[in-house]
Amino acid sequence: MKVKMLQQHNGEGQFPTFPKDTAVTLTGEECAEFLHWYPCEIDGHQTYIPDTFISDGVLTRDYNPTELVQNAGDLLTVNEIVNAWLFATNESGQTGWIPAEICITH
């Protein structure tokens, strides 16, 4: 599926890909704006994670929390949809997360 950005998204920095079975510590309550997402610490990095990616305090799959930095009008290819966020690839081949609410199907 292709989507078009409706507004700019700046992201929260670059992260490494954390392998399955890496320890995750939840550091707060569920995000009010994005249900099923939690603030956490993974290998010394502060970020967010969907609850379906953790079990018994470890990652259930490889996970990279990097958000794409995109401008309004940019086109993305959606690879996965997880709790109101899109894991997508931009036209330069970079992958990352974008909130679905700022995109429209193209």
PDB file of N, CA and C in Angstrom:
ATOM      1  N   MET A   1       0.845  -1.167   0.000  1.00  0.00           N
ATOM      2  CA  MET A   1       0.000   0.000   0.000  1.00  0.00           C
ATOM      3  C   MET A   1       0.898   1.240   0.000  1.00  0.00           C
ATOM      4  N   LYS A   2       0.522   2.229  -0.780  1.00  0.00           N
ATOM      5  CA  LYS A   2       1.229   3.516  -0.830  1.00  0.00           C
ATOM      6  C   LYS A   2       0.421   4.554  -0.048  1.00  0.00           C
ATOM      7  N   VAL A   3       1.149   5.416   0.661  1.00  0.00           N
ATOM      8  CA  VAL A   3       0.514   6.531   1.355  1.00  0.00           C
ATOM      9  C   VAL A   3       1.279   7.803   1.040  1.00  0.00           C
ATOM     10  N   LYS A   4       0.571   8.918   1.197  1.00  0.00           N
ATOM     11  CA  LYS A   4       1.142  10.246   0.994  1.00  0.00           C
ATOM     12  C   LYS A   4       1.107  10.979   2.325  1.00  0.00           C
ATOM     13  N   MET A   5       2.212  11.650   2.658  1.00  0.00           N
ATOM     14  CA  MET A   5       2.300  12.416   3.895  1.00  0.00           C
ATOM     15  C   MET A   5       1.431  13.669   3.794  1.00  0.00           C
ATOM     16  N   LEU A   6       0.598  13.918   4.801  1.00  0.00           N
ATOM     17  CA  LEU A   6      -0.236  15.115   4.838  1.00  0.00           C
ATOM     18  C   LEU A   6       0.473  16.285   5.516  1.00  0.00           C
ATOM     19  N   GLN A   7       1.465  15.971   6.339  1.00  0.00           N
ATOM     20  CA  GLN A   7       2.224  17.007   7.032  1.00  0.00           C
ATOM     21  C   GLN A   7       3.620  16.484   7.321  1.00  0.00           C
ATOM     22  N   GLN A   8       4.490  17.382   7.738  1.00  0.00           N
ATOM     23  CA  GLN A   8       5.861  17.024   8.069  1.00  0.00           C
ATOM     24  C   GLN A   8       5.903  16.176   9.335  1.00  0.00           C
ATOM     25  N   HIS A   9       6.856  15.248   9.381  1.00  0.00           N
ATOM     26  CA  HIS A   9       7.103  14.455  10.587  1.00  0.00           C
ATOM     27  C   HIS A   9       8.605  14.454  10.854  1.00  0.00           C
ATOM     28  N   ASN A  10       9.012  14.855  12.063  1.00  0.00           N
ATOM     29  CA  ASN A  10      10.430  15.003  12.387  1.00  0.00           C
ATOM     30  C   ASN A  10      11.058  13.800  13.081  1.00  0.00           C
ATOM     31  N   GLY A  11      10.257  12.920  13.646  1.00  0.00           N
ATOM     32  CA  GLY A  11      10.811  11.745  14.302  1.00  0.00           C
ATOM     33  C   GLY A  11      11.517  12.081  15.600  1.00  0.00           C
ATOM     34  N   GLU A  12      12.083  11.054  16.216  1.00  0.00           N
ATOM     35  CA  GLU A  12      12.754  11.211  17.505  1.00  0.00           C
ATOM     36  C   GLU A  12      14.162  10.646  17.480  1.00  0.00           C
ATOM     37  N   GLY A  13      14.805  10.643  16.333  1.00  0.00           N
ATOM     38  CA  GLY A  13      16.187  10.182  16.249  1.00  0.00           C
ATOM     39  C   GLY A  13      16.335   8.799  15.651  1.00  0.00           C
ATOM     40  N   GLN A  14      17.576   8.433  15.422  1.00  0.00           N
ATOM     41  CA  GLN A  14      17.921   7.139  14.836  1.00  0.00           C
ATOM     42  C   GLN A  14      18.215   6.129  15.952  1.00  0.00           C
ATOM     43  N   PHE A  15      17.846   4.894  15.721  1.00  0.00           N
ATOM     44  CA  PHE A  15      18.083   3.818  16.669  1.00  0.00           C
ATOM     45  C   PHE A  15      18.664   2.616  15.934  1.00  0.00           C
ATOM     46  N   PRO A  16      19.387   1.775  16.652  1.00  0.00           N
ATOM     47  CA  PRO A  16      19.822   0.519  16.043  1.00  0.00           C
ATOM     48  C   PRO A  16      18.649  -0.457  15.997  1.00  0.00           C
ATOM     49  N   THR A  17      18.818  -1.536  15.265  1.00  0.00           N
ATOM     50  CA  THR A  17      17.840  -2.615  15.306  1.00  0.00           C
ATOM     51  C   THR A  17      18.201  -3.509  16.480  1.00  0.00           C
ATOM     52  N   PHE A  18      17.242  -3.699  17.368  1.00  0.00           N
ATOM     53  CA  PHE A  18      17.448  -4.546  18.536  1.00  0.00           C
ATOM     54  C   PHE A  18      16.974  -5.960  18.188  1.00  0.00           C
ATOM     55  N   PRO A  19      17.811  -6.962  18.405  1.00  0.00           N
ATOM     56  CA  PRO A  19      17.421  -8.321  18.032  1.00  0.00           C
ATOM     57  C   PRO A  19      16.388  -8.933  18.979  1.00  0.00           C
ATOM     58  N   LYS A  20      15.649  -9.869  18.445  1.00  0.00           N
ATOM     59  CA  LYS A  20      14.698 -10.655  19.237  1.00  0.00           C
ATOM     60  C   LYS A  20      15.411 -11.137  20.502  1.00  0.00           C
ATOM     61  N   ASP A  21      14.668 -11.190  21.597  1.00  0.00           N
ATOM     62  CA  ASP A  21      15.125 -11.638  22.915  1.00  0.00           C
ATOM     63  C   ASP A  21      15.947 -10.593  23.673  1.00  0.00           C
ATOM     64  N   THR A  22      16.091  -9.359  23.124  1.00  0.00           N
ATOM     65  CA  THR A  22      16.734  -8.276  23.869  1.00  0.00           C
ATOM     66  C   THR A  22      15.809  -7.856  25.008  1.00  0.00           C
ATOM     67  N   ALA A  23      16.373  -7.588  26.172  1.00  0.00           N
ATOM     68  CA  ALA A  23      15.584  -7.165  27.335  1.00  0.00           C
ATOM     69  C   ALA A  23      14.956  -5.792  27.094  1.00  0.00           C
ATOM     70  N   VAL A  24      13.709  -5.639  27.543  1.00  0.00           N
ATOM     71  CA  VAL A  24      12.962  -4.380  27.444  1.00  0.00           C
ATOM     72  C   VAL A  24      12.414  -4.050  28.823  1.00  0.00           C
ATOM     73  N   THR A  25      12.615  -2.798  29.257  1.00  0.00           N
ATOM     74  CA  THR A  25      12.047  -2.338  30.518  1.00  0.00           C
ATOM     75  C   THR A  25      11.022  -1.261  30.216  1.00  0.00           C
ATOM     76  N   LEU A  26       9.763  -1.505  30.557  1.00  0.00           N
ATOM     77  CA  LEU A  26       8.743  -0.463  30.400  1.00  0.00           C
ATOM     78  C   LEU A  26       9.003   0.597  31.452  1.00  0.00           C
ATOM     79  N   THR A  27       8.972   1.867  31.044  1.00  0.00           N
ATOM     80  CA  THR A  27       9.329   2.957  31.953  1.00  0.00           C
ATOM     81  C   THR A  27       8.167   3.881  32.281  1.00  0.00           C
ATOM     82  N   GLY A  28       6.973   3.536  31.830  1.00  0.00           N
ATOM     83  CA  GLY A  28       5.819   4.383  32.102  1.00  0.00           C
ATOM     84  C   GLY A  28       4.532   3.712  31.684  1.00  0.00           C
ATOM     85  N   GLU A  29       3.470   4.474  31.796  1.00  0.00           N
ATOM     86  CA  GLU A  29       2.136   3.985  31.450  1.00  0.00           C
ATOM     87  C   GLU A  29       1.907   4.037  29.943  1.00  0.00           C
ATOM     88  N   GLU A  30       0.896   3.334  29.508  1.00  0.00           N
ATOM     89  CA  GLU A  30       0.497   3.332  28.093  1.00  0.00           C
ATOM     90  C   GLU A  30       0.286   4.770  27.608  1.00  0.00           C
ATOM     91  N   CYS A  31       0.751   5.065  26.403  1.00  0.00           N
ATOM     92  CA  CYS A  31       0.584   6.401  25.827  1.00  0.00           C
ATOM     93  C   CYS A  31      -0.895   6.710  25.635  1.00  0.00           C
ATOM     94  N   ALA A  32      -1.322   7.866  26.097  1.00  0.00           N
ATOM     95  CA  ALA A  32      -2.721   8.258  25.957  1.00  0.00           C
ATOM     96  C   ALA A  32      -3.081   8.503  24.495  1.00  0.00           C
ATOM     97  N   GLU A  33      -2.155   9.048  23.725  1.00  0.00           N
ATOM     98  CA  GLU A  33      -2.423   9.386  22.330  1.00  0.00           C
ATOM     99  C   GLU A  33      -2.366   8.161  21.413  1.00  0.00           C
ATOM    100  N   PHE A  34      -1.495   7.221  21.713  1.00  0.00           N
ATOM    101  CA  PHE A  34      -1.322   6.033  20.881  1.00  0.00           C
ATOM    102  C   PHE A  34      -1.462   4.794  21.755  1.00  0.00           C
ATOM    103  N   LEU A  35      -2.670   4.238  21.769  1.00  0.00           N
ATOM    104  CA  LEU A  35      -2.954   3.077  22.600  1.00  0.00           C
ATOM    105  C   LEU A  35      -2.082   1.897  22.210  1.00  0.00           C
ATOM    106  N   HIS A  36      -1.729   1.109  23.210  1.00  0.00           N
ATOM    107  CA  HIS A  36      -0.906  -0.102  23.063  1.00  0.00           C
ATOM    108  C   HIS A  36       0.566   0.204  22.787  1.00  0.00           C
ATOM    109  N   TRP A  37       0.980   1.464  22.938  1.00  0.00           N
ATOM    110  CA  TRP A  37       2.398   1.853  22.847  1.00  0.00           C
ATOM    111  C   TRP A  37       2.847   2.298  24.239  1.00  0.00           C
ATOM    112  N   TYR A  38       4.071   1.912  24.610  1.00  0.00           N
ATOM    113  CA  TYR A  38       4.599   2.197  25.945  1.00  0.00           C
ATOM    114  C   TYR A  38       6.000   2.800  25.862  1.00  0.00           C
ATOM    115  N   PRO A  39       6.295   3.760  26.742  1.00  0.00           N
ATOM    116  CA  PRO A  39       7.684   4.215  26.838  1.00  0.00           C
ATOM    117  C   PRO A  39       8.516   3.084  27.438  1.00  0.00           C
ATOM    118  N   CYS A  40       9.746   2.973  26.965  1.00  0.00           N
ATOM    119  CA  CYS A  40      10.580   1.869  27.440  1.00  0.00           C
ATOM    120  C   CYS A  40      12.058   2.200  27.308  1.00  0.00           C
ATOM    121  N   GLU A  41      12.866   1.306  27.852  1.00  0.00           N
ATOM    122  CA  GLU A  41      14.306   1.352  27.668  1.00  0.00           C
ATOM    123  C   GLU A  41      14.734   0.022  27.069  1.00  0.00           C
ATOM    124  N   ILE A  42      15.487   0.117  25.966  1.00  0.00           N
ATOM    125  CA  ILE A  42      16.033  -1.068  25.311  1.00  0.00           C
ATOM    126  C   ILE A  42      17.533  -0.841  25.154  1.00  0.00           C
ATOM    127  N   ASP A  43      18.313  -1.663  25.787  1.00  0.00           N
ATOM    128  CA  ASP A  43      19.771  -1.594  25.660  1.00  0.00           C
ATOM    129  C   ASP A  43      20.302  -0.169  25.869  1.00  0.00           C
ATOM    130  N   GLY A  44      19.774   0.524  26.883  1.00  0.00           N
ATOM    131  CA  GLY A  44      20.227   1.870  27.215  1.00  0.00           C
ATOM    132  C   GLY A  44      19.590   2.987  26.411  1.00  0.00           C
ATOM    133  N   HIS A  45      18.682   2.670  25.499  1.00  0.00           N
ATOM    134  CA  HIS A  45      18.005   3.663  24.664  1.00  0.00           C
ATOM    135  C   HIS A  45      16.575   3.878  25.156  1.00  0.00           C
ATOM    136  N   GLN A  46      16.193   5.154  25.308  1.00  0.00           N
ATOM    137  CA  GLN A  46      14.820   5.507  25.673  1.00  0.00           C
ATOM    138  C   GLN A  46      13.999   5.625  24.392  1.00  0.00           C
ATOM    139  N   THR A  47      12.870   4.909  24.311  1.00  0.00           N
ATOM    140  CA  THR A  47      12.045   4.920  23.107  1.00  0.00           C
ATOM    141  C   THR A  47      10.637   4.459  23.454  1.00  0.00           C
ATOM    142  N   TYR A  48       9.889   4.031  22.461  1.00  0.00           N
ATOM    143  CA  TYR A  48       8.537   3.512  22.636  1.00  0.00           C
ATOM    144  C   TYR A  48       8.439   2.170  21.931  1.00  0.00           C
ATOM    145  N   ILE A  49       7.495   1.342  22.425  1.00  0.00           N
ATOM    146  CA  ILE A  49       7.323   0.020  21.832  1.00  0.00           C
ATOM    147  C   ILE A  49       5.847  -0.385  21.881  1.00  0.00           C
ATOM    148  N   PRO A  50       5.356  -1.046  20.826  1.00  0.00           N
ATOM    149  CA  PRO A  50       3.991  -1.573  20.897  1.00  0.00           C
ATOM    150  C   PRO A  50       3.971  -2.804  21.801  1.00  0.00           C
ATOM    151  N   ASP A  51       2.896  -2.953  22.561  1.00  0.00           N
ATOM    152  CA  ASP A  51       2.834  -4.055  23.525  1.00  0.00           C
ATOM    153  C   ASP A  51       2.934  -5.438  22.879  1.00  0.00           C
ATOM    154  N   THR A  52       2.586  -5.553  21.601  1.00  0.00           N
ATOM    155  CA  THR A  52       2.651  -6.853  20.927  1.00  0.00           C
ATOM    156  C   THR A  52       4.073  -7.282  20.587  1.00  0.00           C
ATOM    157  N   PHE A  53       5.059  -6.405  20.765  1.00  0.00           N
ATOM    158  CA  PHE A  53       6.449  -6.732  20.441  1.00  0.00           C
ATOM    159  C   PHE A  53       7.240  -7.212  21.655  1.00  0.00           C
ATOM    160  N   ILE A  54       6.575  -7.295  22.832  1.00  0.00           N
ATOM    161  CA  ILE A  54       7.272  -7.745  24.039  1.00  0.00           C
ATOM    162  C   ILE A  54       6.469  -8.832  24.748  1.00  0.00           C
ATOM    163  N   SER A  55       7.194  -9.707  25.404  1.00  0.00           N
ATOM    164  CA  SER A  55       6.587 -10.738  26.242  1.00  0.00           C
ATOM    165  C   SER A  55       7.601 -11.106  27.317  1.00  0.00           C
ATOM    166  N   ASP A  56       7.159 -11.130  28.551  1.00  0.00           N
ATOM    167  CA  ASP A  56       8.031 -11.472  29.679  1.00  0.00           C
ATOM    168  C   ASP A  56       9.321 -10.643  29.697  1.00  0.00           C
ATOM    169  N   GLY A  57       9.209  -9.361  29.307  1.00  0.00           N
ATOM    170  CA  GLY A  57      10.333  -8.445  29.400  1.00  0.00           C
ATOM    171  C   GLY A  57      11.379  -8.550  28.307  1.00  0.00           C
ATOM    172  N   VAL A  58      11.069  -9.252  27.220  1.00  0.00           N
ATOM    173  CA  VAL A  58      12.014  -9.339  26.100  1.00  0.00           C
ATOM    174  C   VAL A  58      11.279  -9.127  24.778  1.00  0.00           C
ATOM    175  N   LEU A  59      12.035  -8.706  23.764  1.00  0.00           N
ATOM    176  CA  LEU A  59      11.468  -8.539  22.424  1.00  0.00           C
ATOM    177  C   LEU A  59      11.063  -9.885  21.848  1.00  0.00           C
ATOM    178  N   THR A  60       9.910  -9.909  21.209  1.00  0.00           N
ATOM    179  CA  THR A  60       9.439 -11.136  20.557  1.00  0.00           C
ATOM    180  C   THR A  60       9.867 -11.189  19.096  1.00  0.00           C
ATOM    181  N   ARG A  61      10.520 -10.117  18.636  1.00  0.00           N
ATOM    182  CA  ARG A  61      10.990 -10.013  17.250  1.00  0.00           C
ATOM    183  C   ARG A  61      12.052  -8.933  17.173  1.00  0.00           C
ATOM    184  N   ASP A  62      12.786  -8.874  16.076  1.00  0.00           N
ATOM    185  CA  ASP A  62      13.711  -7.768  15.859  1.00  0.00           C
ATOM    186  C   ASP A  62      12.896  -6.479  15.816  1.00  0.00           C
ATOM    187  N   TYR A  63      13.456  -5.381  16.340  1.00  0.00           N
ATOM    188  CA  TYR A  63      12.706  -4.128  16.415  1.00  0.00           C
ATOM    189  C   TYR A  63      13.641  -2.932  16.278  1.00  0.00           C
ATOM    190  N   ASN A  64      13.291  -2.028  15.374  1.00  0.00           N
ATOM    191  CA  ASN A  64      13.994  -0.754  15.239  1.00  0.00           C
ATOM    192  C   ASN A  64      12.966   0.353  15.411  1.00  0.00           C
ATOM    193  N   PRO A  65      13.056   1.159  16.469  1.00  0.00           N
ATOM    194  CA  PRO A  65      12.074   2.206  16.745  1.00  0.00           C
ATOM    195  C   PRO A  65      12.283   3.514  15.982  1.00  0.00           C
ATOM    196  N   THR A  66      13.211   3.575  15.029  1.00  0.00           N
ATOM    197  CA  THR A  66      13.472   4.807  14.289  1.00  0.00           C
ATOM    198  C   THR A  66      12.205   5.280  13.567  1.00  0.00           C
ATOM    199  N   GLU A  67      11.908   6.573  13.694  1.00  0.00           N
ATOM    200  CA  GLU A  67      10.811   7.190  12.955  1.00  0.00           C
ATOM    201  C   GLU A  67      11.380   7.877  11.719  1.00  0.00           C
ATOM    202  N   LEU A  68      10.667   7.762  10.610  1.00  0.00           N
ATOM    203  CA  LEU A  68      11.091   8.447   9.393  1.00  0.00           C
ATOM    204  C   LEU A  68      10.921   9.952   9.530  1.00  0.00           C
ATOM    205  N   VAL A  69      11.838  10.699   8.993  1.00  0.00           N
ATOM    206  CA  VAL A  69      11.723  12.150   8.886  1.00  0.00           C
ATOM    207  C   VAL A  69      11.231  12.421   7.467  1.00  0.00           C
ATOM    208  N   GLN A  70      10.018  12.945   7.353  1.00  0.00           N
ATOM    209  CA  GLN A  70       9.379  13.122   6.047  1.00  0.00           C
ATOM    210  C   GLN A  70       8.692  14.476   5.963  1.00  0.00           C
ATOM    211  N   ASN A  71       8.483  14.939   4.743  1.00  0.00           N
ATOM    212  CA  ASN A  71       7.794  16.198   4.487  1.00  0.00           C
ATOM    213  C   ASN A  71       6.403  15.940   3.927  1.00  0.00           C
ATOM    214  N   ALA A  72       5.532  16.930   4.040  1.00  0.00           N
ATOM    215  CA  ALA A  72       4.204  16.841   3.433  1.00  0.00           C
ATOM    216  C   ALA A  72       4.371  16.577   1.940  1.00  0.00           C
ATOM    217  N   GLY A  73       3.576  15.654   1.419  1.00  0.00           N
ATOM    218  CA  GLY A  73       3.627  15.309   0.003  1.00  0.00           C
ATOM    219  C   GLY A  73       4.506  14.121  -0.320  1.00  0.00           C
ATOM    220  N   ASP A  74       5.403  13.725   0.607  1.00  0.00           N
ATOM    221  CA  ASP A  74       6.261  12.562   0.368  1.00  0.00           C
ATOM    222  C   ASP A  74       5.419  11.294   0.264  1.00  0.00           C
ATOM    223  N   LEU A  75       5.881  10.358  -0.574  1.00  0.00           N
ATOM    224  CA  LEU A  75       5.204   9.074  -0.746  1.00  0.00           C
ATOM    225  C   LEU A  75       5.971   7.982  -0.021  1.00  0.00           C
ATOM    226  N   LEU A  76       5.223   7.072   0.612  1.00  0.00           N
ATOM    227  CA  LEU A  76       5.806   5.960   1.358  1.00  0.00           C
ATOM    228  C   LEU A  76       5.125   4.660   0.957  1.00  0.00           C
ATOM    229  N   THR A  77       5.857   3.564   1.053  1.00  0.00           N
ATOM    230  CA  THR A  77       5.284   2.234   0.882  1.00  0.00           C
ATOM    231  C   THR A  77       5.140   1.623   2.273  1.00  0.00           C
ATOM    232  N   VAL A  78       3.929   1.222   2.618  1.00  0.00           N
ATOM    233  CA  VAL A  78       3.659   0.667   3.946  1.00  0.00           C
ATOM    234  C   VAL A  78       4.032  -0.812   3.964  1.00  0.00           C
ATOM    235  N   ASN A  79       4.863  -1.181   4.950  1.00  0.00           N
ATOM    236  CA  ASN A  79       5.273  -2.569   5.135  1.00  0.00           C
ATOM    237  C   ASN A  79       4.449  -3.271   6.200  1.00  0.00           C
ATOM    238  N   GLU A  80       3.990  -2.498   7.197  1.00  0.00           N
ATOM    239  CA  GLU A  80       3.273  -3.071   8.330  1.00  0.00           C
ATOM    240  C   GLU A  80       2.491  -1.965   9.028  1.00  0.00           C
ATOM    241  N   ILE A  81       1.346  -2.310   9.595  1.00  0.00           N
ATOM    242  CA  ILE A  81       0.541  -1.386  10.388  1.00  0.00           C
ATOM    243  C   ILE A  81       0.450  -1.955  11.796  1.00  0.00           C
ATOM    244  N   VAL A  82       0.848  -1.140  12.778  1.00  0.00           N
ATOM    245  CA  VAL A  82       0.850  -1.588  14.170  1.00  0.00           C
ATOM    246  C   VAL A  82       0.259  -0.494  15.048  1.00  0.00           C
ATOM    247  N   ASN A  83      -0.938  -0.722  15.554  1.00  0.00           N
ATOM    248  CA  ASN A  83      -1.556   0.183  16.529  1.00  0.00           C
ATOM    249  C   ASN A  83      -1.442   1.658  16.145  1.00  0.00           C
ATOM    250  N   ALA A  84      -1.989   2.025  15.007  1.00  0.00           N
ATOM    251  CA  ALA A  84      -2.072   3.410  14.527  1.00  0.00           C
ATOM    252  C   ALA A  84      -0.743   3.979  14.045  1.00  0.00           C
ATOM    253  N   TRP A  85       0.272   3.144  13.855  1.00  0.00           N
ATOM    254  CA  TRP A  85       1.545   3.565  13.284  1.00  0.00           C
ATOM    255  C   TRP A  85       1.843   2.700  12.073  1.00  0.00           C
ATOM    256  N   LEU A  86       2.517   3.300  11.106  1.00  0.00           N
ATOM    257  CA  LEU A  86       2.910   2.597   9.893  1.00  0.00           C
ATOM    258  C   LEU A  86       4.414   2.382   9.916  1.00  0.00           C
ATOM    259  N   PHE A  87       4.848   1.162   9.642  1.00  0.00           N
ATOM    260  CA  PHE A  87       6.271   0.921   9.401  1.00  0.00           C
ATOM    261  C   PHE A  87       6.412   0.947   7.894  1.00  0.00           C
ATOM    262  N   ALA A  88       7.162   1.911   7.377  1.00  0.00           N
ATOM    263  CA  ALA A  88       7.146   2.194   5.944  1.00  0.00           C
ATOM    264  C   ALA A  88       8.547   2.408   5.384  1.00  0.00           C
ATOM    265  N   THR A  89       8.608   2.397   4.059  1.00  0.00           N
ATOM    266  CA  THR A  89       9.837   2.677   3.320  1.00  0.00           C
ATOM    267  C   THR A  89       9.612   3.917   2.478  1.00  0.00           C
ATOM    268  N   ASN A  90      10.555   4.878   2.549  1.00  0.00           N
ATOM    269  CA  ASN A  90      10.418   6.078   1.727  1.00  0.00           C
ATOM    270  C   ASN A  90      11.062   5.860   0.358  1.00  0.00           C
ATOM    271  N   GLU A  91      10.984   6.867  -0.495  1.00  0.00           N
ATOM    272  CA  GLU A  91      11.492   6.745  -1.862  1.00  0.00           C
ATOM    273  C   GLU A  91      13.008   6.617  -1.927  1.00  0.00           C
ATOM    274  N   SER A  92      13.716   6.925  -0.821  1.00  0.00           N
ATOM    275  CA  SER A  92      15.171   6.766  -0.755  1.00  0.00           C
ATOM    276  C   SER A  92      15.580   5.393  -0.229  1.00  0.00           C
ATOM    277  N   GLY A  93      14.583   4.576   0.144  1.00  0.00           N
ATOM    278  CA  GLY A  93      14.858   3.239   0.645  1.00  0.00           C
ATOM    279  C   GLY A  93      15.034   3.145   2.148  1.00  0.00           C
ATOM    280  N   GLN A  94      14.853   4.261   2.859  1.00  0.00           N
ATOM    281  CA  GLN A  94      14.948   4.244   4.321  1.00  0.00           C
ATOM    282  C   GLN A  94      13.650   3.696   4.899  1.00  0.00           C
ATOM    283  N   THR A  95      13.757   2.950   6.010  1.00  0.00           N
ATOM    284  CA  THR A  95      12.570   2.432   6.674  1.00  0.00           C
ATOM    285  C   THR A  95      12.438   3.042   8.060  1.00  0.00           C
ATOM    286  N   GLY A  96      11.203   3.125   8.527  1.00  0.00           N
ATOM    287  CA  GLY A  96      10.943   3.645   9.860  1.00  0.00           C
ATOM    288  C   GLY A  96       9.453   3.799  10.095  1.00  0.00           C
ATOM    289  N   TRP A  97       9.134   4.349  11.242  1.00  0.00           N
ATOM    290  CA  TRP A  97       7.752   4.497  11.697  1.00  0.00           C
ATOM    291  C   TRP A  97       7.206   5.887  11.402  1.00  0.00           C
ATOM    292  N   ILE A  98       5.913   5.948  11.093  1.00  0.00           N
ATOM    293  CA  ILE A  98       5.185   7.193  10.845  1.00  0.00           C
ATOM    294  C   ILE A  98       3.782   7.025  11.454  1.00  0.00           C
ATOM    295  N   PRO A  99       3.262   8.041  12.148  1.00  0.00           N
ATOM    296  CA  PRO A  99       1.881   7.928  12.644  1.00  0.00           C
ATOM    297  C   PRO A  99       0.904   7.898  11.455  1.00  0.00           C
ATOM    298  N   ALA A 100       0.006   6.934  11.479  1.00  0.00           N
ATOM    299  CA  ALA A 100      -0.956   6.773  10.380  1.00  0.00           C
ATOM    300  C   ALA A 100      -1.855   7.997  10.229  1.00  0.00           C
ATOM    301  N   GLU A 101      -2.102   8.726  11.289  1.00  0.00           N
ATOM    302  CA  GLU A 101      -3.023   9.861  11.251  1.00  0.00           C
ATOM    303  C   GLU A 101      -2.534  11.028  10.378  1.00  0.00           C
ATOM    304  N   ILE A 102      -1.252  11.022  10.008  1.00  0.00           N
ATOM    305  CA  ILE A 102      -0.746  12.104   9.158  1.00  0.00           C
ATOM    306  C   ILE A 102      -0.485  11.634   7.729  1.00  0.00           C
ATOM    307  N   CYS A 103      -1.109  10.524   7.351  1.00  0.00           N
ATOM    308  CA  CYS A 103      -0.965   9.954   6.016  1.00  0.00           C
ATOM    309  C   CYS A 103      -2.331   9.699   5.391  1.00  0.00           C
ATOM    310  N   ILE A 104      -2.350   9.645   4.080  1.00  0.00           N
ATOM    311  CA  ILE A 104      -3.566   9.297   3.345  1.00  0.00           C
ATOM    312  C   ILE A 104      -3.177   8.280   2.274  1.00  0.00           C
ATOM    313  N   THR A 105      -4.071   7.339   2.020  1.00  0.00           N
ATOM    314  CA  THR A 105      -3.821   6.337   0.988  1.00  0.00           C
ATOM    315  C   THR A 105      -3.642   7.036  -0.348  1.00  0.00           C
ATOM    316  N   HIS A 106      -2.642   6.594  -1.098  1.00  0.00           N
ATOM    317  CA  HIS A 106      -2.331   7.225  -2.383  1.00  0.00           C
ATOM    318  C   HIS A 106      -2.597   6.232  -3.518  1.00  0.00           C
TER     319      HIS A 106
END
